[in-house]
Amino acid sequence: AWQITDRIDPSPTHSGKSGFLKISFDIVIVAETYEGAANLSELTRDTLVDYATVVDGTQVYWTKLVDETDIERSVENGRPKPTYLRVQTYQSLYQ
């Protein structure tokens, strides 16, 4: 799951908007085991850090990891097994 947490113009100019946007977003990683959550978060980090591309005419210049929680164990009522989750926060600059 993901959630956009912030979207700002990181460097407005004297004449107005810079045309760049910096976005912050969270990715929630959920797995059935601690090791699964650790492996999936590592794959996500390896995929997104330094990610740059063009998507439908939008240039993504960079993506970086800015925060990562420890892996938490969660037990929900009615579930025989716990789940493990971690939240990673990323930022990207795009235009």
PDB file of N, CA and C in Angstrom:
ATOM      1  N   ALA A   1       0.851  -1.182   0.000  1.00  0.00           N
ATOM      2  CA  ALA A   1       0.000   0.000   0.000  1.00  0.00           C
ATOM      3  C   ALA A   1       0.888   1.234   0.000  1.00  0.00           C
ATOM      4  N   TRP A   2       0.386   2.331  -0.529  1.00  0.00           N
ATOM      5  CA  TRP A   2       1.159   3.575  -0.531  1.00  0.00           C
ATOM      6  C   TRP A   2       0.231   4.745  -0.226  1.00  0.00           C
ATOM      7  N   GLN A   3       0.827   5.854   0.198  1.00  0.00           N
ATOM      8  CA  GLN A   3       0.071   7.066   0.504  1.00  0.00           C
ATOM      9  C   GLN A   3       0.957   8.275   0.239  1.00  0.00           C
ATOM     10  N   ILE A   4       0.440   9.259  -0.499  1.00  0.00           N
ATOM     11  CA  ILE A   4       1.161  10.511  -0.707  1.00  0.00           C
ATOM     12  C   ILE A   4       0.969  11.367   0.535  1.00  0.00           C
ATOM     13  N   THR A   5       2.078  11.805   1.133  1.00  0.00           N
ATOM     14  CA  THR A   5       1.999  12.560   2.377  1.00  0.00           C
ATOM     15  C   THR A   5       2.313  14.041   2.215  1.00  0.00           C
ATOM     16  N   ASP A   6       2.901  14.437   1.082  1.00  0.00           N
ATOM     17  CA  ASP A   6       3.278  15.838   0.908  1.00  0.00           C
ATOM     18  C   ASP A   6       3.604  16.074  -0.566  1.00  0.00           C
ATOM     19  N   ARG A   7       3.261  17.263  -1.077  1.00  0.00           N
ATOM     20  CA  ARG A   7       3.646  17.651  -2.431  1.00  0.00           C
ATOM     21  C   ARG A   7       3.863  19.151  -2.427  1.00  0.00           C
ATOM     22  N   ILE A   8       5.117  19.584  -2.648  1.00  0.00           N
ATOM     23  CA  ILE A   8       5.455  21.009  -2.574  1.00  0.00           C
ATOM     24  C   ILE A   8       6.341  21.411  -3.746  1.00  0.00           C
ATOM     25  N   ASP A   9       6.402  22.715  -4.010  1.00  0.00           N
ATOM     26  CA  ASP A   9       7.361  23.294  -4.946  1.00  0.00           C
ATOM     27  C   ASP A   9       8.623  23.554  -4.126  1.00  0.00           C
ATOM     28  N   PRO A  10       9.710  22.785  -4.348  1.00  0.00           N
ATOM     29  CA  PRO A  10      10.877  22.887  -3.475  1.00  0.00           C
ATOM     30  C   PRO A  10      11.713  24.143  -3.664  1.00  0.00           C
ATOM     31  N   SER A  11      11.549  24.844  -4.788  1.00  0.00           N
ATOM     32  CA  SER A  11      12.390  26.022  -5.017  1.00  0.00           C
ATOM     33  C   SER A  11      11.654  27.064  -5.845  1.00  0.00           C
ATOM     34  N   PRO A  12      10.620  27.718  -5.247  1.00  0.00           N
ATOM     35  CA  PRO A  12       9.918  28.762  -5.996  1.00  0.00           C
ATOM     36  C   PRO A  12      10.882  29.896  -6.354  1.00  0.00           C
ATOM     37  N   THR A  13      10.635  30.527  -7.499  1.00  0.00           N
ATOM     38  CA  THR A  13      11.496  31.619  -7.950  1.00  0.00           C
ATOM     39  C   THR A  13      10.823  32.956  -7.646  1.00  0.00           C
ATOM     40  N   HIS A  14      11.543  34.037  -7.874  1.00  0.00           N
ATOM     41  CA  HIS A  14      10.971  35.374  -7.664  1.00  0.00           C
ATOM     42  C   HIS A  14       9.802  35.637  -8.612  1.00  0.00           C
ATOM     43  N   SER A  15       9.795  34.953  -9.745  1.00  0.00           N
ATOM     44  CA  SER A  15       8.716  35.160 -10.718  1.00  0.00           C
ATOM     45  C   SER A  15       7.605  34.123 -10.603  1.00  0.00           C
ATOM     46  N   GLY A  16       7.646  33.293  -9.549  1.00  0.00           N
ATOM     47  CA  GLY A  16       6.560  32.316  -9.358  1.00  0.00           C
ATOM     48  C   GLY A  16       7.049  30.904  -9.177  1.00  0.00           C
ATOM     49  N   LYS A  17       6.219  29.980  -9.611  1.00  0.00           N
ATOM     50  CA  LYS A  17       6.519  28.559  -9.434  1.00  0.00           C
ATOM     51  C   LYS A  17       7.732  28.143 -10.260  1.00  0.00           C
ATOM     52  N   SER A  18       8.503  27.200  -9.717  1.00  0.00           N
ATOM     53  CA  SER A  18       9.698  26.719 -10.416  1.00  0.00           C
ATOM     54  C   SER A  18       9.368  25.698 -11.493  1.00  0.00           C
ATOM     55  N   GLY A  19       8.202  25.067 -11.388  1.00  0.00           N
ATOM     56  CA  GLY A  19       7.853  24.004 -12.320  1.00  0.00           C
ATOM     57  C   GLY A  19       8.241  22.631 -11.811  1.00  0.00           C
ATOM     58  N   PHE A  20       8.986  22.592 -10.697  1.00  0.00           N
ATOM     59  CA  PHE A  20       9.360  21.327 -10.078  1.00  0.00           C
ATOM     60  C   PHE A  20       8.415  21.040  -8.919  1.00  0.00           C
ATOM     61  N   LEU A  21       8.192  19.769  -8.649  1.00  0.00           N
ATOM     62  CA  LEU A  21       7.435  19.358  -7.474  1.00  0.00           C
ATOM     63  C   LEU A  21       8.228  18.289  -6.743  1.00  0.00           C
ATOM     64  N   LYS A  22       8.246  18.404  -5.420  1.00  0.00           N
ATOM     65  CA  LYS A  22       8.841  17.361  -4.585  1.00  0.00           C
ATOM     66  C   LYS A  22       7.695  16.682  -3.860  1.00  0.00           C
ATOM     67  N   ILE A  23       7.635  15.381  -3.975  1.00  0.00           N
ATOM     68  CA  ILE A  23       6.546  14.622  -3.387  1.00  0.00           C
ATOM     69  C   ILE A  23       7.123  13.683  -2.335  1.00  0.00           C
ATOM     70  N   SER A  24       6.419  13.539  -1.238  1.00  0.00           N
ATOM     71  CA  SER A  24       6.759  12.548  -0.216  1.00  0.00           C
ATOM     72  C   SER A  24       5.680  11.486  -0.232  1.00  0.00           C
ATOM     73  N   PHE A  25       6.098  10.235  -0.125  1.00  0.00           N
ATOM     74  CA  PHE A  25       5.103   9.165  -0.094  1.00  0.00           C
ATOM     75  C   PHE A  25       5.584   8.032   0.792  1.00  0.00           C
ATOM     76  N   ASP A  26       4.610   7.355   1.402  1.00  0.00           N
ATOM     77  CA  ASP A  26       4.869   6.224   2.271  1.00  0.00           C
ATOM     78  C   ASP A  26       4.481   4.936   1.564  1.00  0.00           C
ATOM     79  N   ILE A  27       5.292   3.929   1.746  1.00  0.00           N
ATOM     80  CA  ILE A  27       4.962   2.585   1.287  1.00  0.00           C
ATOM     81  C   ILE A  27       4.895   1.694   2.522  1.00  0.00           C
ATOM     82  N   VAL A  28       3.785   0.984   2.667  1.00  0.00           N
ATOM     83  CA  VAL A  28       3.593   0.075   3.792  1.00  0.00           C
ATOM     84  C   VAL A  28       3.841  -1.343   3.299  1.00  0.00           C
ATOM     85  N   ILE A  29       4.799  -2.007   3.901  1.00  0.00           N
ATOM     86  CA  ILE A  29       5.169  -3.366   3.526  1.00  0.00           C
ATOM     87  C   ILE A  29       4.581  -4.322   4.559  1.00  0.00           C
ATOM     88  N   VAL A  30       3.847  -5.321   4.091  1.00  0.00           N
ATOM     89  CA  VAL A  30       3.201  -6.289   4.974  1.00  0.00           C
ATOM     90  C   VAL A  30       3.601  -7.691   4.515  1.00  0.00           C
ATOM     91  N   ALA A  31       4.002  -8.524   5.472  1.00  0.00           N
ATOM     92  CA  ALA A  31       4.389  -9.905   5.147  1.00  0.00           C
ATOM     93  C   ALA A  31       3.986 -10.827   6.289  1.00  0.00           C
ATOM     94  N   GLU A  32       3.993 -12.111   6.010  1.00  0.00           N
ATOM     95  CA  GLU A  32       3.612 -13.094   7.025  1.00  0.00           C
ATOM     96  C   GLU A  32       4.747 -13.442   7.978  1.00  0.00           C
ATOM     97  N   THR A  33       6.004 -13.102   7.597  1.00  0.00           N
ATOM     98  CA  THR A  33       7.149 -13.389   8.464  1.00  0.00           C
ATOM     99  C   THR A  33       8.021 -12.144   8.586  1.00  0.00           C
ATOM    100  N   TYR A  34       8.830 -12.103   9.643  1.00  0.00           N
ATOM    101  CA  TYR A  34       9.777 -11.003   9.828  1.00  0.00           C
ATOM    102  C   TYR A  34      10.752 -10.961   8.649  1.00  0.00           C
ATOM    103  N   GLU A  35      11.264 -12.138   8.280  1.00  0.00           N
ATOM    104  CA  GLU A  35      12.220 -12.220   7.176  1.00  0.00           C
ATOM    105  C   GLU A  35      11.584 -11.763   5.865  1.00  0.00           C
ATOM    106  N   GLY A  36      10.314 -12.114   5.664  1.00  0.00           N
ATOM    107  CA  GLY A  36       9.614 -11.672   4.461  1.00  0.00           C
ATOM    108  C   GLY A  36       9.486 -10.164   4.394  1.00  0.00           C
ATOM    109  N   ALA A  37       9.165  -9.542   5.524  1.00  0.00           N
ATOM    110  CA  ALA A  37       9.070  -8.073   5.569  1.00  0.00           C
ATOM    111  C   ALA A  37      10.438  -7.437   5.333  1.00  0.00           C
ATOM    112  N   ALA A  38      11.483  -8.018   5.921  1.00  0.00           N
ATOM    113  CA  ALA A  38      12.833  -7.491   5.730  1.00  0.00           C
ATOM    114  C   ALA A  38      13.264  -7.609   4.275  1.00  0.00           C
ATOM    115  N   ASN A  39      13.014  -8.768   3.659  1.00  0.00           N
ATOM    116  CA  ASN A  39      13.405  -8.972   2.259  1.00  0.00           C
ATOM    117  C   ASN A  39      12.625  -8.065   1.316  1.00  0.00           C
ATOM    118  N   LEU A  40      11.317  -7.944   1.533  1.00  0.00           N
ATOM    119  CA  LEU A  40      10.494  -7.103   0.668  1.00  0.00           C
ATOM    120  C   LEU A  40      10.866  -5.631   0.812  1.00  0.00           C
ATOM    121  N   SER A  41      11.175  -5.195   2.024  1.00  0.00           N
ATOM    122  CA  SER A  41      11.567  -3.794   2.208  1.00  0.00           C
ATOM    123  C   SER A  41      12.922  -3.522   1.554  1.00  0.00           C
ATOM    124  N   GLU A  42      13.827  -4.503   1.581  1.00  0.00           N
ATOM    125  CA  GLU A  42      15.121  -4.341   0.917  1.00  0.00           C
ATOM    126  C   GLU A  42      14.940  -4.254  -0.604  1.00  0.00           C
ATOM    127  N   LEU A  43      14.089  -5.102  -1.166  1.00  0.00           N
ATOM    128  CA  LEU A  43      13.812  -5.054  -2.606  1.00  0.00           C
ATOM    129  C   LEU A  43      13.171  -3.722  -3.003  1.00  0.00           C
ATOM    130  N   THR A  44      12.243  -3.243  -2.182  1.00  0.00           N
ATOM    131  CA  THR A  44      11.589  -1.960  -2.461  1.00  0.00           C
ATOM    132  C   THR A  44      12.611  -0.838  -2.440  1.00  0.00           C
ATOM    133  N   ARG A  45      13.450  -0.822  -1.402  1.00  0.00           N
ATOM    134  CA  ARG A  45      14.494   0.209  -1.272  1.00  0.00           C
ATOM    135  C   ARG A  45      15.455   0.153  -2.459  1.00  0.00           C
ATOM    136  N   ASP A  46      15.910  -1.051  -2.818  1.00  0.00           N
ATOM    137  CA  ASP A  46      16.842  -1.183  -3.942  1.00  0.00           C
ATOM    138  C   ASP A  46      16.224  -0.728  -5.260  1.00  0.00           C
ATOM    139  N   THR A  47      14.916  -0.901  -5.409  1.00  0.00           N
ATOM    140  CA  THR A  47      14.230  -0.494  -6.634  1.00  0.00           C
ATOM    141  C   THR A  47      14.020   1.018  -6.698  1.00  0.00           C
ATOM    142  N   LEU A  48      13.666   1.640  -5.575  1.00  0.00           N
ATOM    143  CA  LEU A  48      13.266   3.044  -5.607  1.00  0.00           C
ATOM    144  C   LEU A  48      14.393   4.055  -5.371  1.00  0.00           C
ATOM    145  N   VAL A  49      15.410   3.713  -4.597  1.00  0.00           N
ATOM    146  CA  VAL A  49      16.484   4.668  -4.333  1.00  0.00           C
ATOM    147  C   VAL A  49      17.208   4.970  -5.644  1.00  0.00           C
ATOM    148  N   ASP A  50      17.365   6.253  -5.937  1.00  0.00           N
ATOM    149  CA  ASP A  50      17.982   6.766  -7.167  1.00  0.00           C
ATOM    150  C   ASP A  50      17.144   6.503  -8.413  1.00  0.00           C
ATOM    151  N   TYR A  51      15.863   6.152  -8.239  1.00  0.00           N
ATOM    152  CA  TYR A  51      14.976   5.905  -9.369  1.00  0.00           C
ATOM    153  C   TYR A  51      14.739   7.209 -10.128  1.00  0.00           C
ATOM    154  N   ALA A  52      14.914   7.174 -11.429  1.00  0.00           N
ATOM    155  CA  ALA A  52      14.650   8.310 -12.312  1.00  0.00           C
ATOM    156  C   ALA A  52      14.108   7.756 -13.622  1.00  0.00           C
ATOM    157  N   THR A  53      13.094   8.437 -14.176  1.00  0.00           N
ATOM    158  CA  THR A  53      12.474   7.954 -15.410  1.00  0.00           C
ATOM    159  C   THR A  53      11.578   9.038 -15.984  1.00  0.00           C
ATOM    160  N   VAL A  54      10.990   8.768 -17.126  1.00  0.00           N
ATOM    161  CA  VAL A  54       9.949   9.610 -17.696  1.00  0.00           C
ATOM    162  C   VAL A  54       8.693   8.746 -17.810  1.00  0.00           C
ATOM    163  N   VAL A  55       7.583   9.231 -17.243  1.00  0.00           N
ATOM    164  CA  VAL A  55       6.314   8.511 -17.276  1.00  0.00           C
ATOM    165  C   VAL A  55       5.256   9.457 -17.837  1.00  0.00           C
ATOM    166  N   ASP A  56       4.689   9.122 -18.972  1.00  0.00           N
ATOM    167  CA  ASP A  56       3.648   9.941 -19.604  1.00  0.00           C
ATOM    168  C   ASP A  56       4.036  11.406 -19.677  1.00  0.00           C
ATOM    169  N   GLY A  57       5.291  11.680 -20.037  1.00  0.00           N
ATOM    170  CA  GLY A  57       5.764  13.049 -20.187  1.00  0.00           C
ATOM    171  C   GLY A  57       6.214  13.716 -18.910  1.00  0.00           C
ATOM    172  N   THR A  58       6.110  13.040 -17.779  1.00  0.00           N
ATOM    173  CA  THR A  58       6.572  13.589 -16.501  1.00  0.00           C
ATOM    174  C   THR A  58       7.966  13.053 -16.204  1.00  0.00           C
ATOM    175  N   GLN A  59       8.923  13.957 -16.016  1.00  0.00           N
ATOM    176  CA  GLN A  59      10.303  13.579 -15.721  1.00  0.00           C
ATOM    177  C   GLN A  59      10.484  13.433 -14.218  1.00  0.00           C
ATOM    178  N   VAL A  60      10.827  12.227 -13.762  1.00  0.00           N
ATOM    179  CA  VAL A  60      11.190  11.993 -12.359  1.00  0.00           C
ATOM    180  C   VAL A  60      12.708  12.070 -12.308  1.00  0.00           C
ATOM    181  N   TYR A  61      13.248  13.058 -11.541  1.00  0.00           N
ATOM    182  CA  TYR A  61      14.686  13.300 -11.516  1.00  0.00           C
ATOM    183  C   TYR A  61      15.408  12.422 -10.507  1.00  0.00           C
ATOM    184  N   TRP A  62      14.827  12.214  -9.356  1.00  0.00           N
ATOM    185  CA  TRP A  62      15.443  11.355  -8.345  1.00  0.00           C
ATOM    186  C   TRP A  62      14.409  10.900  -7.327  1.00  0.00           C
ATOM    187  N   THR A  63      14.738   9.824  -6.651  1.00  0.00           N
ATOM    188  CA  THR A  63      13.935   9.311  -5.545  1.00  0.00           C
ATOM    189  C   THR A  63      14.901   8.893  -4.451  1.00  0.00           C
ATOM    190  N   LYS A  64      14.564   9.225  -3.197  1.00  0.00           N
ATOM    191  CA  LYS A  64      15.441   8.838  -2.090  1.00  0.00           C
ATOM    192  C   LYS A  64      14.609   8.365  -0.900  1.00  0.00           C
ATOM    193  N   LEU A  65      15.200   7.483  -0.117  1.00  0.00           N
ATOM    194  CA  LEU A  65      14.593   7.003   1.117  1.00  0.00           C
ATOM    195  C   LEU A  65      14.905   8.014   2.209  1.00  0.00           C
ATOM    196  N   VAL A  66      13.867   8.496   2.908  1.00  0.00           N
ATOM    197  CA  VAL A  66      14.093   9.480   3.970  1.00  0.00           C
ATOM    198  C   VAL A  66      13.775   8.951   5.361  1.00  0.00           C
ATOM    199  N   ASP A  67      13.020   7.850   5.448  1.00  0.00           N
ATOM    200  CA  ASP A  67      12.707   7.279   6.756  1.00  0.00           C
ATOM    201  C   ASP A  67      12.240   5.843   6.581  1.00  0.00           C
ATOM    202  N   GLU A  68      12.505   5.048   7.609  1.00  0.00           N
ATOM    203  CA  GLU A  68      12.086   3.649   7.583  1.00  0.00           C
ATOM    204  C   GLU A  68      11.850   3.210   9.025  1.00  0.00           C
ATOM    205  N   THR A  69      10.673   2.666   9.295  1.00  0.00           N
ATOM    206  CA  THR A  69      10.377   2.196  10.639  1.00  0.00           C
ATOM    207  C   THR A  69      11.003   0.820  10.856  1.00  0.00           C
ATOM    208  N   ASP A  70      11.094   0.450  12.122  1.00  0.00           N
ATOM    209  CA  ASP A  70      11.485  -0.910  12.446  1.00  0.00           C
ATOM    210  C   ASP A  70      10.333  -1.826  12.035  1.00  0.00           C
ATOM    211  N   ILE A  71      10.608  -3.092  11.852  1.00  0.00           N
ATOM    212  CA  ILE A  71       9.556  -4.040  11.494  1.00  0.00           C
ATOM    213  C   ILE A  71       8.730  -4.322  12.745  1.00  0.00           C
ATOM    214  N   GLU A  72       7.422  -4.116  12.637  1.00  0.00           N
ATOM    215  CA  GLU A  72       6.506  -4.309  13.762  1.00  0.00           C
ATOM    216  C   GLU A  72       5.719  -5.598  13.580  1.00  0.00           C
ATOM    217  N   ARG A  73       5.455  -6.247  14.681  1.00  0.00           N
ATOM    218  CA  ARG A  73       4.639  -7.474  14.686  1.00  0.00           C
ATOM    219  C   ARG A  73       3.221  -7.082  15.062  1.00  0.00           C
ATOM    220  N   SER A  74       2.248  -7.544  14.278  1.00  0.00           N
ATOM    221  CA  SER A  74       0.855  -7.206  14.532  1.00  0.00           C
ATOM    222  C   SER A  74       0.029  -8.488  14.578  1.00  0.00           C
ATOM    223  N   VAL A  75      -0.809  -8.602  15.606  1.00  0.00           N
ATOM    224  CA  VAL A  75      -1.700  -9.755  15.711  1.00  0.00           C
ATOM    225  C   VAL A  75      -3.126  -9.240  15.648  1.00  0.00           C
ATOM    226  N   GLU A  76      -3.858  -9.672  14.624  1.00  0.00           N
ATOM    227  CA  GLU A  76      -5.247  -9.252  14.470  1.00  0.00           C
ATOM    228  C   GLU A  76      -6.171 -10.304  15.035  1.00  0.00           C
ATOM    229  N   ASN A  77      -7.264  -9.865  15.584  1.00  0.00           N
ATOM    230  CA  ASN A  77      -8.248 -10.803  16.126  1.00  0.00           C
ATOM    231  C   ASN A  77      -8.735 -11.752  15.034  1.00  0.00           C
ATOM    232  N   GLY A  78      -8.792 -13.017  15.373  1.00  0.00           N
ATOM    233  CA  GLY A  78      -9.294 -13.998  14.432  1.00  0.00           C
ATOM    234  C   GLY A  78      -8.258 -14.563  13.486  1.00  0.00           C
ATOM    235  N   ARG A  79      -7.044 -14.004  13.486  1.00  0.00           N
ATOM    236  CA  ARG A  79      -5.985 -14.520  12.616  1.00  0.00           C
ATOM    237  C   ARG A  79      -5.086 -15.443  13.424  1.00  0.00           C
ATOM    238  N   PRO A  80      -4.797 -16.621  12.883  1.00  0.00           N
ATOM    239  CA  PRO A  80      -3.965 -17.552  13.644  1.00  0.00           C
ATOM    240  C   PRO A  80      -2.498 -17.148  13.691  1.00  0.00           C
ATOM    241  N   LYS A  81      -2.052 -16.342  12.709  1.00  0.00           N
ATOM    242  CA  LYS A  81      -0.644 -15.942  12.638  1.00  0.00           C
ATOM    243  C   LYS A  81      -0.527 -14.419  12.688  1.00  0.00           C
ATOM    244  N   PRO A  82       0.571 -13.931  13.221  1.00  0.00           N
ATOM    245  CA  PRO A  82       0.799 -12.485  13.189  1.00  0.00           C
ATOM    246  C   PRO A  82       1.223 -12.039  11.788  1.00  0.00           C
ATOM    247  N   THR A  83       1.144 -10.753  11.532  1.00  0.00           N
ATOM    248  CA  THR A  83       1.708 -10.167  10.322  1.00  0.00           C
ATOM    249  C   THR A  83       2.798  -9.200  10.752  1.00  0.00           C
ATOM    250  N   TYR A  84       3.695  -8.915   9.849  1.00  0.00           N
ATOM    251  CA  TYR A  84       4.816  -8.026  10.120  1.00  0.00           C
ATOM    252  C   TYR A  84       4.748  -6.877   9.123  1.00  0.00           C
ATOM    253  N   LEU A  85       4.954  -5.660   9.618  1.00  0.00           N
ATOM    254  CA  LEU A  85       4.880  -4.521   8.709  1.00  0.00           C
ATOM    255  C   LEU A  85       5.962  -3.505   8.984  1.00  0.00           C
ATOM    256  N   ARG A  86       6.285  -2.766   7.932  1.00  0.00           N
ATOM    257  CA  ARG A  86       7.291  -1.700   7.980  1.00  0.00           C
ATOM    258  C   ARG A  86       6.796  -0.593   7.065  1.00  0.00           C
ATOM    259  N   VAL A  87       7.035   0.657   7.470  1.00  0.00           N
ATOM    260  CA  VAL A  87       6.684   1.812   6.644  1.00  0.00           C
ATOM    261  C   VAL A  87       7.982   2.470   6.175  1.00  0.00           C
ATOM    262  N   GLN A  88       8.080   2.689   4.875  1.00  0.00           N
ATOM    263  CA  GLN A  88       9.208   3.408   4.285  1.00  0.00           C
ATOM    264  C   GLN A  88       8.677   4.713   3.705  1.00  0.00           C
ATOM    265  N   THR A  89       9.372   5.815   3.977  1.00  0.00           N
ATOM    266  CA  THR A  89       9.017   7.123   3.435  1.00  0.00           C
ATOM    267  C   THR A  89      10.063   7.527   2.404  1.00  0.00           C
ATOM    268  N   TYR A  90       9.589   7.895   1.225  1.00  0.00           N
ATOM    269  CA  TYR A  90      10.446   8.307   0.125  1.00  0.00           C
ATOM    270  C   TYR A  90      10.099   9.722  -0.301  1.00  0.00           C
ATOM    271  N   GLN A  91      11.046  10.379  -0.986  1.00  0.00           N
ATOM    272  CA  GLN A  91      10.801  11.655  -1.646  1.00  0.00           C
ATOM    273  C   GLN A  91      11.274  11.539  -3.084  1.00  0.00           C
ATOM    274  N   SER A  92      10.560  12.195  -3.994  1.00  0.00           N
ATOM    275  CA  SER A  92      10.947  12.264  -5.403  1.00  0.00           C
ATOM    276  C   SER A  92      10.836  13.708  -5.878  1.00  0.00           C
ATOM    277  N   LEU A  93      11.695  14.087  -6.784  1.00  0.00           N
ATOM    278  CA  LEU A  93      11.618  15.387  -7.447  1.00  0.00           C
ATOM    279  C   LEU A  93      11.214  15.128  -8.889  1.00  0.00           C
ATOM    280  N   TYR A  94      10.179  15.856  -9.337  1.00  0.00           N
ATOM    281  CA  TYR A  94       9.732  15.645 -10.710  1.00  0.00           C
ATOM    282  C   TYR A  94       9.246  16.943 -11.313  1.00  0.00           C
ATOM    283  N   GLN A  95       9.063  16.909 -12.640  1.00  0.00           N
ATOM    284  CA  GLN A  95       8.595  18.087 -13.380  1.00  0.00           C
ATOM    285  C   GLN A  95       7.714  17.632 -14.517  1.00  0.00           C
TER     286      GLN A  95
END
